[in-house]
């Protein structure tokens, strides 16, 4: 199926954001999703929310959307993508913790053993 003009523009913008995020991840390491936590002990999700707040605060204080040394819109989109990844990871970790608390390392009955990873795979089918 051929994309229309708007769909092509959407694809181009999304590709640009993807390239920006990959470039920054290679340049700075995975610091957004796995921070070093030297001073702040907050979760990656909380730290991303702070970064988003900072960007929005700059806009509100009159810095505008296009500062000389940065593209605030692309940065915000990038932070929101990372936030989505982080929140999904948080949710998956929460599911794993709940499953481990409930089932330990898995279930066994007679000759059947069901490891926790299989239990989680089946649980995701119901999301």
PDB file of N, CA and C in Angstrom:
ATOM      1  N   UNK A   1       0.844  -1.175   0.000  1.00  0.00           N
ATOM      2  CA  UNK A   1       0.000   0.000   0.000  1.00  0.00           C
ATOM      3  C   UNK A   1       0.894   1.244   0.000  1.00  0.00           C
ATOM      4  N   UNK A   2       0.610   2.145  -0.865  1.00  0.00           N
ATOM      5  CA  UNK A   2       1.372   3.375  -0.992  1.00  0.00           C
ATOM      6  C   UNK A   2       0.922   4.380   0.061  1.00  0.00           C
ATOM      7  N   UNK A   3       1.908   5.050   0.656  1.00  0.00           N
ATOM      8  CA  UNK A   3       1.590   6.053   1.674  1.00  0.00           C
ATOM      9  C   UNK A   3       1.227   7.376   1.010  1.00  0.00           C
ATOM     10  N   UNK A   4       0.274   8.091   1.633  1.00  0.00           N
ATOM     11  CA  UNK A   4      -0.056   9.421   1.130  1.00  0.00           C
ATOM     12  C   UNK A   4       0.976  10.420   1.669  1.00  0.00           C
ATOM     13  N   UNK A   5       0.830  11.682   1.285  1.00  0.00           N
ATOM     14  CA  UNK A   5       1.819  12.699   1.631  1.00  0.00           C
ATOM     15  C   UNK A   5       1.977  12.870   3.149  1.00  0.00           C
ATOM     16  N   UNK A   6       0.870  12.888   3.863  1.00  0.00           N
ATOM     17  CA  UNK A   6       0.932  13.041   5.324  1.00  0.00           C
ATOM     18  C   UNK A   6       1.606  11.841   5.963  1.00  0.00           C
ATOM     19  N   UNK A   7       1.284  10.647   5.504  1.00  0.00           N
ATOM     20  CA  UNK A   7       1.895   9.435   6.046  1.00  0.00           C
ATOM     21  C   UNK A   7       3.404   9.421   5.812  1.00  0.00           C
ATOM     22  N   UNK A   8       3.838   9.907   4.657  1.00  0.00           N
ATOM     23  CA  UNK A   8       5.271  10.011   4.377  1.00  0.00           C
ATOM     24  C   UNK A   8       5.948  10.992   5.333  1.00  0.00           C
ATOM     25  N   UNK A   9       5.277  12.119   5.606  1.00  0.00           N
ATOM     26  CA  UNK A   9       5.837  13.100   6.544  1.00  0.00           C
ATOM     27  C   UNK A   9       5.921  12.518   7.954  1.00  0.00           C
ATOM     28  N   UNK A  10       4.885  11.794   8.363  1.00  0.00           N
ATOM     29  CA  UNK A  10       4.901  11.138   9.679  1.00  0.00           C
ATOM     30  C   UNK A  10       6.073  10.176   9.758  1.00  0.00           C
ATOM     31  N   UNK A  11       6.251   9.384   8.720  1.00  0.00           N
ATOM     32  CA  UNK A  11       7.339   8.413   8.686  1.00  0.00           C
ATOM     33  C   UNK A  11       8.703   9.098   8.772  1.00  0.00           C
ATOM     34  N   UNK A  12       8.871  10.192   8.052  1.00  0.00           N
ATOM     35  CA  UNK A  12      10.133  10.928   8.058  1.00  0.00           C
ATOM     36  C   UNK A  12      10.441  11.500   9.439  1.00  0.00           C
ATOM     37  N   UNK A  13       9.446  12.132  10.061  1.00  0.00           N
ATOM     38  CA  UNK A  13       9.650  12.717  11.391  1.00  0.00           C
ATOM     39  C   UNK A  13       9.986  11.627  12.406  1.00  0.00           C
ATOM     40  N   UNK A  14       9.253  10.522  12.357  1.00  0.00           N
ATOM     41  CA  UNK A  14       9.518   9.420  13.294  1.00  0.00           C
ATOM     42  C   UNK A  14      10.914   8.845  13.077  1.00  0.00           C
ATOM     43  N   UNK A  15      11.327   8.717  11.822  1.00  0.00           N
ATOM     44  CA  UNK A  15      12.691   8.242  11.535  1.00  0.00           C
ATOM     45  C   UNK A  15      13.735   9.199  12.083  1.00  0.00           C
ATOM     46  N   UNK A  16      13.485  10.510  11.955  1.00  0.00           N
ATOM     47  CA  UNK A  16      14.423  11.511  12.477  1.00  0.00           C
ATOM     48  C   UNK A  16      14.549  11.408  13.999  1.00  0.00           C
ATOM     49  N   UNK A  17      13.434  11.233  14.678  1.00  0.00           N
ATOM     50  CA  UNK A  17      13.454  11.095  16.143  1.00  0.00           C
ATOM     51  C   UNK A  17      14.193   9.822  16.523  1.00  0.00           C
ATOM     52  N   UNK A  18      13.926   8.750  15.806  1.00  0.00           N
ATOM     53  CA  UNK A  18      14.603   7.479  16.074  1.00  0.00           C
ATOM     54  C   UNK A  18      16.119   7.648  15.935  1.00  0.00           C
ATOM     55  N   UNK A  19      16.559   8.303  14.874  1.00  0.00           N
ATOM     56  CA  UNK A  19      17.987   8.520  14.656  1.00  0.00           C
ATOM     57  C   UNK A  19      18.590   9.408  15.749  1.00  0.00           C
ATOM     58  N   UNK A  20      17.857  10.438  16.167  1.00  0.00           N
ATOM     59  CA  UNK A  20      18.317  11.316  17.243  1.00  0.00           C
ATOM     60  C   UNK A  20      18.510  10.521  18.538  1.00  0.00           C
ATOM     61  N   UNK A  21      17.524   9.692  18.885  1.00  0.00           N
ATOM     62  CA  UNK A  21      17.605   8.903  20.117  1.00  0.00           C
ATOM     63  C   UNK A  21      18.742   7.897  20.066  1.00  0.00           C
ATOM     64  N   UNK A  22      18.914   7.244  18.941  1.00  0.00           N
ATOM     65  CA  UNK A  22      20.007   6.270  18.803  1.00  0.00           C
ATOM     66  C   UNK A  22      21.356   6.982  18.882  1.00  0.00           C
ATOM     67  N   UNK A  23      21.464   8.140  18.212  1.00  0.00           N
ATOM     68  CA  UNK A  23      22.713   8.918  18.254  1.00  0.00           C
ATOM     69  C   UNK A  23      23.053   9.322  19.690  1.00  0.00           C
ATOM     70  N   UNK A  24      22.058   9.869  20.406  1.00  0.00           N
ATOM     71  CA  UNK A  24      22.312  10.304  21.786  1.00  0.00           C
ATOM     72  C   UNK A  24      22.607   9.120  22.700  1.00  0.00           C
ATOM     73  N   UNK A  25      21.943   7.979  22.456  1.00  0.00           N
ATOM     74  CA  UNK A  25      22.197   6.796  23.274  1.00  0.00           C
ATOM     75  C   UNK A  25      23.624   6.318  23.084  1.00  0.00           C
ATOM     76  N   UNK A  26      24.111   6.362  21.858  1.00  0.00           N
ATOM     77  CA  UNK A  26      25.499   5.951  21.591  1.00  0.00           C
ATOM     78  C   UNK A  26      26.487   6.965  22.159  1.00  0.00           C
ATOM     79  N   UNK A  27      26.128   8.248  22.087  1.00  0.00           N
ATOM     80  CA  UNK A  27      27.020   9.305  22.554  1.00  0.00           C
ATOM     81  C   UNK A  27      27.109   9.339  24.076  1.00  0.00           C
ATOM     82  N   UNK A  28      25.964   9.212  24.757  1.00  0.00           N
ATOM     83  CA  UNK A  28      25.926   9.370  26.211  1.00  0.00           C
ATOM     84  C   UNK A  28      25.720   8.055  26.959  1.00  0.00           C
ATOM     85  N   UNK A  29      25.606   6.955  26.251  1.00  0.00           N
ATOM     86  CA  UNK A  29      25.295   5.688  26.905  1.00  0.00           C
ATOM     87  C   UNK A  29      23.809   5.632  27.210  1.00  0.00           C
ATOM     88  N   UNK A  30      23.425   4.631  27.903  1.00  0.00           N
ATOM     89  CA  UNK A  30      22.008   4.433  28.194  1.00  0.00           C
ATOM     90  C   UNK A  30      21.607   5.164  29.480  1.00  0.00           C
ATOM     91  N   UNK A  31      22.081   6.390  29.620  1.00  0.00           N
ATOM     92  CA  UNK A  31      21.911   7.127  30.875  1.00  0.00           C
ATOM     93  C   UNK A  31      20.460   7.503  31.167  1.00  0.00           C
ATOM     94  N   UNK A  32      19.629   7.612  30.147  1.00  0.00           N
ATOM     95  CA  UNK A  32      18.234   7.983  30.395  1.00  0.00           C
ATOM     96  C   UNK A  32      17.456   6.835  31.034  1.00  0.00           C
ATOM     97  N   UNK A  33      17.702   5.618  30.577  1.00  0.00           N
ATOM     98  CA  UNK A  33      16.957   4.464  31.095  1.00  0.00           C
ATOM     99  C   UNK A  33      17.707   3.703  32.182  1.00  0.00           C
ATOM    100  N   UNK A  34      19.017   3.886  32.241  1.00  0.00           N
ATOM    101  CA  UNK A  34      19.826   3.255  33.288  1.00  0.00           C
ATOM    102  C   UNK A  34      20.791   4.296  33.857  1.00  0.00           C
ATOM    103  N   UNK A  35      20.235   5.258  34.610  1.00  0.00           N
ATOM    104  CA  UNK A  35      21.082   6.330  35.154  1.00  0.00           C
ATOM    105  C   UNK A  35      22.078   5.805  36.179  1.00  0.00           C
ATOM    106  N   UNK A  36      23.211   6.506  36.311  1.00  0.00           N
ATOM    107  CA  UNK A  36      24.247   6.107  37.266  1.00  0.00           C
ATOM    108  C   UNK A  36      23.818   6.284  38.711  1.00  0.00           C
ATOM    109  N   UNK A  37      22.912   7.200  38.963  1.00  0.00           N
ATOM    110  CA  UNK A  37      22.392   7.479  40.311  1.00  0.00           C
ATOM    111  C   UNK A  37      23.511   7.858  41.291  1.00  0.00           C
ATOM    112  N   UNK A  38      24.325   8.792  40.889  1.00  0.00           N
ATOM    113  CA  UNK A  38      25.399   9.269  41.756  1.00  0.00           C
ATOM    114  C   UNK A  38      24.811  10.144  42.866  1.00  0.00           C
ATOM    115  N   UNK A  39      23.984  11.114  42.504  1.00  0.00           N
ATOM    116  CA  UNK A  39      23.354  11.989  43.493  1.00  0.00           C
ATOM    117  C   UNK A  39      21.885  11.638  43.687  1.00  0.00           C
ATOM    118  N   UNK A  40      21.162  11.492  42.596  1.00  0.00           N
ATOM    119  CA  UNK A  40      19.732  11.192  42.677  1.00  0.00           C
ATOM    120  C   UNK A  40      19.501   9.692  42.688  1.00  0.00           C
ATOM    121  N   UNK A  41      18.640   9.261  43.564  1.00  0.00           N
ATOM    122  CA  UNK A  41      18.299   7.837  43.661  1.00  0.00           C
ATOM    123  C   UNK A  41      16.937   7.552  43.033  1.00  0.00           C
ATOM    124  N   UNK A  42      16.373   8.541  42.345  1.00  0.00           N
ATOM    125  CA  UNK A  42      15.065   8.383  41.714  1.00  0.00           C
ATOM    126  C   UNK A  42      15.125   7.362  40.585  1.00  0.00           C
ATOM    127  N   UNK A  43      13.985   6.806  40.281  1.00  0.00           N
ATOM    128  CA  UNK A  43      13.891   5.848  39.178  1.00  0.00           C
ATOM    129  C   UNK A  43      14.134   6.560  37.850  1.00  0.00           C
ATOM    130  N   UNK A  44      14.413   5.776  36.825  1.00  0.00           N
ATOM    131  CA  UNK A  44      14.604   6.335  35.482  1.00  0.00           C
ATOM    132  C   UNK A  44      13.344   7.067  35.031  1.00  0.00           C
ATOM    133  N   UNK A  45      12.184   6.505  35.331  1.00  0.00           N
ATOM    134  CA  UNK A  45      10.924   7.143  34.948  1.00  0.00           C
ATOM    135  C   UNK A  45      10.792   8.507  35.611  1.00  0.00           C
ATOM    136  N   UNK A  46      11.069   8.582  36.896  1.00  0.00           N
ATOM    137  CA  UNK A  46      10.970   9.857  37.615  1.00  0.00           C
ATOM    138  C   UNK A  46      11.974  10.874  37.064  1.00  0.00           C
ATOM    139  N   UNK A  47      13.176  10.429  36.743  1.00  0.00           N
ATOM    140  CA  UNK A  47      14.183  11.339  36.202  1.00  0.00           C
ATOM    141  C   UNK A  47      13.779  11.856  34.827  1.00  0.00           C
ATOM    142  N   UNK A  48      13.148  11.011  34.022  1.00  0.00           N
ATOM    143  CA  UNK A  48      12.661  11.464  32.715  1.00  0.00           C
ATOM    144  C   UNK A  48      11.552  12.505  32.884  1.00  0.00           C
ATOM    145  N   UNK A  49      10.681  12.287  33.856  1.00  0.00           N
ATOM    146  CA  UNK A  49       9.627  13.262  34.121  1.00  0.00           C
ATOM    147  C   UNK A  49      10.222  14.611  34.516  1.00  0.00           C
ATOM    148  N   UNK A  50      11.294  14.606  35.279  1.00  0.00           N
ATOM    149  CA  UNK A  50      11.969  15.849  35.660  1.00  0.00           C
ATOM    150  C   UNK A  50      12.551  16.544  34.427  1.00  0.00           C
ATOM    151  N   UNK A  51      13.172  15.779  33.547  1.00  0.00           N
ATOM    152  CA  UNK A  51      13.736  16.365  32.318  1.00  0.00           C
ATOM    153  C   UNK A  51      12.638  16.987  31.461  1.00  0.00           C
ATOM    154  N   UNK A  52      11.496  16.301  31.364  1.00  0.00           N
ATOM    155  CA  UNK A  52      10.370  16.837  30.594  1.00  0.00           C
ATOM    156  C   UNK A  52       9.863  18.119  31.245  1.00  0.00           C
ATOM    157  N   UNK A  53       9.733  18.111  32.568  1.00  0.00           N
ATOM    158  CA  UNK A  53       9.324  19.326  33.293  1.00  0.00           C
ATOM    159  C   UNK A  53      10.283  20.484  33.007  1.00  0.00           C
ATOM    160  N   UNK A  54      11.594  20.200  33.016  1.00  0.00           N
ATOM    161  CA  UNK A  54      12.589  21.244  32.754  1.00  0.00           C
ATOM    162  C   UNK A  54      12.404  21.847  31.366  1.00  0.00           C
ATOM    163  N   UNK A  55      12.191  20.992  30.364  1.00  0.00           N
ATOM    164  CA  UNK A  55      11.987  21.487  28.992  1.00  0.00           C
ATOM    165  C   UNK A  55      10.734  22.356  28.917  1.00  0.00           C
ATOM    166  N   UNK A  56       9.650  21.881  29.519  1.00  0.00           N
ATOM    167  CA  UNK A  56       8.399  22.648  29.487  1.00  0.00           C
ATOM    168  C   UNK A  56       8.541  23.965  30.250  1.00  0.00           C
ATOM    169  N   UNK A  57       9.291  23.957  31.330  1.00  0.00           N
ATOM    170  CA  UNK A  57       9.524  25.173  32.105  1.00  0.00           C
ATOM    171  C   UNK A  57      10.276  26.204  31.270  1.00  0.00           C
ATOM    172  N   UNK A  58      11.253  25.758  30.494  1.00  0.00           N
ATOM    173  CA  UNK A  58      11.999  26.693  29.638  1.00  0.00           C
ATOM    174  C   UNK A  58      11.074  27.346  28.622  1.00  0.00           C
ATOM    175  N   UNK A  59      10.148  26.568  28.073  1.00  0.00           N
ATOM    176  CA  UNK A  59       9.192  27.121  27.110  1.00  0.00           C
ATOM    177  C   UNK A  59       8.311  28.157  27.804  1.00  0.00           C
ATOM    178  N   UNK A  60       7.828  27.812  28.988  1.00  0.00           N
ATOM    179  CA  UNK A  60       6.956  28.726  29.732  1.00  0.00           C
ATOM    180  C   UNK A  60       7.679  30.007  30.125  1.00  0.00           C
ATOM    181  N   UNK A  61       8.979  29.936  30.367  1.00  0.00           N
ATOM    182  CA  UNK A  61       9.757  31.114  30.782  1.00  0.00           C
ATOM    183  C   UNK A  61      10.188  31.961  29.601  1.00  0.00           C
ATOM    184  N   UNK A  62       9.803  31.549  28.382  1.00  0.00           N
ATOM    185  CA  UNK A  62      10.065  32.380  27.223  1.00  0.00           C
ATOM    186  C   UNK A  62      11.231  31.953  26.364  1.00  0.00           C
ATOM    187  N   UNK A  63      11.821  30.789  26.622  1.00  0.00           N
ATOM    188  CA  UNK A  63      12.949  30.346  25.798  1.00  0.00           C
ATOM    189  C   UNK A  63      12.488  29.961  24.398  1.00  0.00           C
ATOM    190  N   UNK A  64      11.211  29.725  24.239  1.00  0.00           N
ATOM    191  CA  UNK A  64      10.686  29.373  22.927  1.00  0.00           C
ATOM    192  C   UNK A  64      10.883  27.903  22.621  1.00  0.00           C
ATOM    193  N   UNK A  65      10.397  27.516  21.455  1.00  0.00           N
ATOM    194  CA  UNK A  65      10.489  26.120  21.046  1.00  0.00           C
ATOM    195  C   UNK A  65      11.786  25.802  20.322  1.00  0.00           C
ATOM    196  N   UNK A  66      12.422  26.819  19.776  1.00  0.00           N
ATOM    197  CA  UNK A  66      13.659  26.577  19.033  1.00  0.00           C
ATOM    198  C   UNK A  66      14.780  27.435  19.612  1.00  0.00           C
ATOM    199  N   UNK A  67      15.470  26.910  20.599  1.00  0.00           N
ATOM    200  CA  UNK A  67      16.631  27.602  21.150  1.00  0.00           C
ATOM    201  C   UNK A  67      17.784  27.479  20.160  1.00  0.00           C
ATOM    202  N   UNK A  68      18.804  28.312  20.313  1.00  0.00           N
ATOM    203  CA  UNK A  68      19.922  28.308  19.366  1.00  0.00           C
ATOM    204  C   UNK A  68      20.685  26.995  19.369  1.00  0.00           C
ATOM    205  N   UNK A  69      20.815  26.373  20.530  1.00  0.00           N
ATOM    206  CA  UNK A  69      21.664  25.186  20.621  1.00  0.00           C
ATOM    207  C   UNK A  69      20.875  23.881  20.755  1.00  0.00           C
ATOM    208  N   UNK A  70      19.557  23.940  20.681  1.00  0.00           N
ATOM    209  CA  UNK A  70      18.780  22.716  20.825  1.00  0.00           C
ATOM    210  C   UNK A  70      17.421  22.863  20.168  1.00  0.00           C
ATOM    211  N   UNK A  71      16.832  21.747  19.816  1.00  0.00           N
ATOM    212  CA  UNK A  71      15.481  21.728  19.277  1.00  0.00           C
ATOM    213  C   UNK A  71      14.585  21.170  20.376  1.00  0.00           C
ATOM    214  N   UNK A  72      13.892  22.038  21.056  1.00  0.00           N
ATOM    215  CA  UNK A  72      13.103  21.665  22.223  1.00  0.00           C
ATOM    216  C   UNK A  72      12.011  20.663  21.853  1.00  0.00           C
ATOM    217  N   UNK A  73      11.387  20.825  20.692  1.00  0.00           N
ATOM    218  CA  UNK A  73      10.322  19.915  20.279  1.00  0.00           C
ATOM    219  C   UNK A  73      10.872  18.499  20.095  1.00  0.00           C
ATOM    220  N   UNK A  74      11.982  18.369  19.377  1.00  0.00           N
ATOM    221  CA  UNK A  74      12.578  17.039  19.198  1.00  0.00           C
ATOM    222  C   UNK A  74      13.021  16.443  20.523  1.00  0.00           C
ATOM    223  N   UNK A  75      13.588  17.282  21.394  1.00  0.00           N
ATOM    224  CA  UNK A  75      13.992  16.790  22.717  1.00  0.00           C
ATOM    225  C   UNK A  75      12.787  16.289  23.505  1.00  0.00           C
ATOM    226  N   UNK A  76      11.691  17.041  23.468  1.00  0.00           N
ATOM    227  CA  UNK A  76      10.484  16.612  24.182  1.00  0.00           C
ATOM    228  C   UNK A  76       9.941  15.303  23.624  1.00  0.00           C
ATOM    229  N   UNK A  77       9.868  15.204  22.318  1.00  0.00           N
ATOM    230  CA  UNK A  77       9.394  13.959  21.702  1.00  0.00           C
ATOM    231  C   UNK A  77      10.301  12.805  22.103  1.00  0.00           C
ATOM    232  N   UNK A  78      11.605  13.048  22.067  1.00  0.00           N
ATOM    233  CA  UNK A  78      12.558  12.007  22.446  1.00  0.00           C
ATOM    234  C   UNK A  78      12.372  11.575  23.889  1.00  0.00           C
ATOM    235  N   UNK A  79      12.230  12.545  24.794  1.00  0.00           N
ATOM    236  CA  UNK A  79      12.009  12.214  26.206  1.00  0.00           C
ATOM    237  C   UNK A  79      10.697  11.445  26.390  1.00  0.00           C
ATOM    238  N   UNK A  80       9.673  11.801  25.639  1.00  0.00           N
ATOM    239  CA  UNK A  80       8.392  11.091  25.755  1.00  0.00           C
ATOM    240  C   UNK A  80       8.513   9.648  25.256  1.00  0.00           C
ATOM    241  N   UNK A  81       9.287   9.432  24.204  1.00  0.00           N
ATOM    242  CA  UNK A  81       9.532   8.062  23.735  1.00  0.00           C
ATOM    243  C   UNK A  81      10.262   7.268  24.811  1.00  0.00           C
ATOM    244  N   UNK A  82      11.307   7.867  25.385  1.00  0.00           N
ATOM    245  CA  UNK A  82      12.048   7.195  26.457  1.00  0.00           C
ATOM    246  C   UNK A  82      11.165   6.950  27.675  1.00  0.00           C
ATOM    247  N   UNK A  83      10.269   7.893  27.977  1.00  0.00           N
ATOM    248  CA  UNK A  83       9.342   7.721  29.090  1.00  0.00           C
ATOM    249  C   UNK A  83       8.431   6.524  28.848  1.00  0.00           C
ATOM    250  N   UNK A  84       7.948   6.385  27.630  1.00  0.00           N
ATOM    251  CA  UNK A  84       7.089   5.245  27.289  1.00  0.00           C
ATOM    252  C   UNK A  84       7.845   3.931  27.473  1.00  0.00           C
ATOM    253  N   UNK A  85       9.094   3.889  27.033  1.00  0.00           N
ATOM    254  CA  UNK A  85       9.927   2.690  27.208  1.00  0.00           C
ATOM    255  C   UNK A  85      10.123   2.400  28.687  1.00  0.00           C
ATOM    256  N   UNK A  86      10.442   3.430  29.465  1.00  0.00           N
ATOM    257  CA  UNK A  86      10.692   3.263  30.886  1.00  0.00           C
ATOM    258  C   UNK A  86       9.443   2.800  31.627  1.00  0.00           C
ATOM    259  N   UNK A  87       8.304   3.379  31.289  1.00  0.00           N
ATOM    260  CA  UNK A  87       7.052   2.994  31.954  1.00  0.00           C
ATOM    261  C   UNK A  87       6.682   1.552  31.625  1.00  0.00           C
ATOM    262  N   UNK A  88       6.924   1.132  30.388  1.00  0.00           N
ATOM    263  CA  UNK A  88       6.670  -0.257  30.008  1.00  0.00           C
ATOM    264  C   UNK A  88       7.582  -1.182  30.793  1.00  0.00           C
ATOM    265  N   UNK A  89       8.836  -0.790  30.946  1.00  0.00           N
ATOM    266  CA  UNK A  89       9.787  -1.583  31.728  1.00  0.00           C
ATOM    267  C   UNK A  89       9.352  -1.668  33.184  1.00  0.00           C
ATOM    268  N   UNK A  90       8.896  -0.529  33.748  1.00  0.00           N
ATOM    269  CA  UNK A  90       8.398  -0.520  35.126  1.00  0.00           C
ATOM    270  C   UNK A  90       7.227  -1.480  35.288  1.00  0.00           C
ATOM    271  N   UNK A  91       6.321  -1.441  34.314  1.00  0.00           N
ATOM    272  CA  UNK A  91       5.141  -2.312  34.374  1.00  0.00           C
ATOM    273  C   UNK A  91       5.552  -3.782  34.296  1.00  0.00           C
ATOM    274  N   UNK A  92       6.494  -4.100  33.403  1.00  0.00           N
ATOM    275  CA  UNK A  92       6.973  -5.478  33.292  1.00  0.00           C
ATOM    276  C   UNK A  92       7.660  -5.932  34.576  1.00  0.00           C
ATOM    277  N   UNK A  93       8.451  -5.044  35.180  1.00  0.00           N
ATOM    278  CA  UNK A  93       9.116  -5.386  36.440  1.00  0.00           C
ATOM    279  C   UNK A  93       8.099  -5.621  37.553  1.00  0.00           C
ATOM    280  N   UNK A  94       7.048  -4.825  37.547  1.00  0.00           N
ATOM    281  CA  UNK A  94       5.991  -4.987  38.548  1.00  0.00           C
ATOM    282  C   UNK A  94       5.298  -6.344  38.371  1.00  0.00           C
ATOM    283  N   UNK A  95       5.047  -6.731  37.130  1.00  0.00           N
ATOM    284  CA  UNK A  95       4.425  -8.029  36.850  1.00  0.00           C
ATOM    285  C   UNK A  95       5.331  -9.160  37.316  1.00  0.00           C
ATOM    286  N   UNK A  96       6.626  -9.037  37.029  1.00  0.00           N
ATOM    287  CA  UNK A  96       7.586 -10.075  37.431  1.00  0.00           C
ATOM    288  C   UNK A  96       7.645 -10.184  38.952  1.00  0.00           C
ATOM    289  N   UNK A  97       7.702  -9.049  39.648  1.00  0.00           N
ATOM    290  CA  UNK A  97       7.749  -9.073  41.114  1.00  0.00           C
ATOM    291  C   UNK A  97       6.494  -9.715  41.695  1.00  0.00           C
ATOM    292  N   UNK A  98       5.331  -9.376  41.148  1.00  0.00           N
ATOM    293  CA  UNK A  98       4.080  -9.965  41.618  1.00  0.00           C
ATOM    294  C   UNK A  98       4.059 -11.469  41.363  1.00  0.00           C
ATOM    295  N   UNK A  99       4.500 -11.870  40.185  1.00  0.00           N
ATOM    296  CA  UNK A  99       4.521 -13.303  39.851  1.00  0.00           C
ATOM    297  C   UNK A  99       5.485 -14.056  40.760  1.00  0.00           C
ATOM    298  N   UNK A 100       6.648 -13.484  41.008  1.00  0.00           N
ATOM    299  CA  UNK A 100       7.622 -14.149  41.895  1.00  0.00           C
ATOM    300  C   UNK A 100       7.089 -14.242  43.326  1.00  0.00           C
ATOM    301  N   UNK A 101       6.406 -13.182  43.770  1.00  0.00           N
ATOM    302  CA  UNK A 101       5.840 -13.211  45.113  1.00  0.00           C
ATOM    303  C   UNK A 101       4.748 -14.277  45.215  1.00  0.00           C
ATOM    304  N   UNK A 102       4.021 -14.483  44.120  1.00  0.00           N
ATOM    305  CA  UNK A 102       2.928 -15.449  44.115  1.00  0.00           C
ATOM    306  C   UNK A 102       3.403 -16.869  43.846  1.00  0.00           C
ATOM    307  N   UNK A 103       4.291 -17.028  42.860  1.00  0.00           N
ATOM    308  CA  UNK A 103       4.657 -18.360  42.383  1.00  0.00           C
ATOM    309  C   UNK A 103       6.091 -18.763  42.683  1.00  0.00           C
ATOM    310  N   UNK A 104       6.880 -17.884  43.299  1.00  0.00           N
ATOM    311  CA  UNK A 104       8.290 -18.213  43.524  1.00  0.00           C
ATOM    312  C   UNK A 104       9.004 -18.327  42.185  1.00  0.00           C
ATOM    313  N   UNK A 105       9.728 -19.424  41.989  1.00  0.00           N
ATOM    314  CA  UNK A 105      10.435 -19.622  40.712  1.00  0.00           C
ATOM    315  C   UNK A 105       9.565 -20.295  39.662  1.00  0.00           C
ATOM    316  N   UNK A 106       8.362 -20.700  40.025  1.00  0.00           N
ATOM    317  CA  UNK A 106       7.473 -21.349  39.071  1.00  0.00           C
ATOM    318  C   UNK A 106       6.539 -22.298  39.791  1.00  0.00           C
ATOM    319  N   UNK A 107       5.898 -23.120  39.024  1.00  0.00           N
ATOM    320  CA  UNK A 107       4.973 -24.102  39.562  1.00  0.00           C
ATOM    321  C   UNK A 107       5.424 -25.494  39.171  1.00  0.00           C
ATOM    322  N   UNK A 108       5.184 -26.451  40.011  1.00  0.00           N
ATOM    323  CA  UNK A 108       5.441 -27.842  39.634  1.00  0.00           C
ATOM    324  C   UNK A 108       4.352 -28.713  40.238  1.00  0.00           C
ATOM    325  N   UNK A 109       3.964 -29.699  39.472  1.00  0.00           N
ATOM    326  CA  UNK A 109       2.942 -30.646  39.915  1.00  0.00           C
ATOM    327  C   UNK A 109       3.216 -31.964  39.219  1.00  0.00           C
ATOM    328  N   UNK A 110       3.609 -32.934  39.976  1.00  0.00           N
ATOM    329  CA  UNK A 110       3.926 -34.230  39.381  1.00  0.00           C
ATOM    330  C   UNK A 110       5.088 -34.108  38.427  1.00  0.00           C
ATOM    331  N   UNK A 111       4.880 -34.465  37.173  1.00  0.00           N
ATOM    332  CA  UNK A 111       5.934 -34.417  36.152  1.00  0.00           C
ATOM    333  C   UNK A 111       5.978 -33.082  35.413  1.00  0.00           C
ATOM    334  N   UNK A 112       5.095 -32.167  35.759  1.00  0.00           N
ATOM    335  CA  UNK A 112       4.993 -30.905  35.030  1.00  0.00           C
ATOM    336  C   UNK A 112       5.654 -29.801  35.839  1.00  0.00           C
ATOM    337  N   UNK A 113       6.569 -29.068  35.173  1.00  0.00           N
ATOM    338  CA  UNK A 113       7.186 -27.888  35.775  1.00  0.00           C
ATOM    339  C   UNK A 113       6.946 -26.707  34.854  1.00  0.00           C
ATOM    340  N   UNK A 114       6.501 -25.624  35.427  1.00  0.00           N
ATOM    341  CA  UNK A 114       6.223 -24.420  34.658  1.00  0.00           C
ATOM    342  C   UNK A 114       7.051 -23.284  35.250  1.00  0.00           C
ATOM    343  N   UNK A 115       8.157 -22.884  34.574  1.00  0.00           N
ATOM    344  CA  UNK A 115       8.995 -21.802  35.099  1.00  0.00           C
ATOM    345  C   UNK A 115       8.260 -20.466  35.066  1.00  0.00           C
ATOM    346  N   UNK A 116       8.720 -19.546  35.901  1.00  0.00           N
ATOM    347  CA  UNK A 116       8.079 -18.233  36.017  1.00  0.00           C
ATOM    348  C   UNK A 116       8.027 -17.520  34.664  1.00  0.00           C
ATOM    349  N   UNK A 117       9.043 -17.685  33.808  1.00  0.00           N
ATOM    350  CA  UNK A 117       9.036 -17.022  32.497  1.00  0.00           C
ATOM    351  C   UNK A 117       7.862 -17.490  31.649  1.00  0.00           C
ATOM    352  N   UNK A 118       7.512 -18.786  31.721  1.00  0.00           N
ATOM    353  CA  UNK A 118       6.362 -19.293  30.970  1.00  0.00           C
ATOM    354  C   UNK A 118       5.057 -18.761  31.533  1.00  0.00           C
ATOM    355  N   UNK A 119       4.987 -18.649  32.843  1.00  0.00           N
ATOM    356  CA  UNK A 119       3.786 -18.099  33.477  1.00  0.00           C
ATOM    357  C   UNK A 119       3.572 -16.661  33.008  1.00  0.00           C
ATOM    358  N   UNK A 120       4.660 -15.879  32.964  1.00  0.00           N
ATOM    359  CA  UNK A 120       4.561 -14.480  32.538  1.00  0.00           C
ATOM    360  C   UNK A 120       4.185 -14.371  31.070  1.00  0.00           C
ATOM    361  N   UNK A 121       4.742 -15.257  30.227  1.00  0.00           N
ATOM    362  CA  UNK A 121       4.378 -15.245  28.804  1.00  0.00           C
ATOM    363  C   UNK A 121       2.891 -15.474  28.625  1.00  0.00           C
ATOM    364  N   UNK A 122       2.334 -16.412  29.370  1.00  0.00           N
ATOM    365  CA  UNK A 122       0.902 -16.703  29.268  1.00  0.00           C
ATOM    366  C   UNK A 122       0.072 -15.560  29.852  1.00  0.00           C
ATOM    367  N   UNK A 123       0.549 -14.935  30.918  1.00  0.00           N
ATOM    368  CA  UNK A 123      -0.180 -13.815  31.523  1.00  0.00           C
ATOM    369  C   UNK A 123      -0.270 -12.633  30.571  1.00  0.00           C
ATOM    370  N   UNK A 124       0.773 -12.405  29.776  1.00  0.00           N
ATOM    371  CA  UNK A 124       0.764 -11.285  28.828  1.00  0.00           C
ATOM    372  C   UNK A 124      -0.267 -11.487  27.727  1.00  0.00           C
ATOM    373  N   UNK A 125      -0.635 -12.754  27.462  1.00  0.00           N
ATOM    374  CA  UNK A 125      -1.650 -13.025  26.462  1.00  0.00           C
ATOM    375  C   UNK A 125      -2.991 -12.428  26.837  1.00  0.00           C
ATOM    376  N   UNK A 126      -3.196 -12.144  28.121  1.00  0.00           N
ATOM    377  CA  UNK A 126      -4.477 -11.630  28.590  1.00  0.00           C
ATOM    378  C   UNK A 126      -4.487 -10.124  28.770  1.00  0.00           C
ATOM    379  N   UNK A 127      -3.379  -9.461  28.448  1.00  0.00           N
ATOM    380  CA  UNK A 127      -3.325  -7.987  28.566  1.00  0.00           C
ATOM    381  C   UNK A 127      -4.212  -7.333  27.532  1.00  0.00           C
TER     382      UNK A 127
END
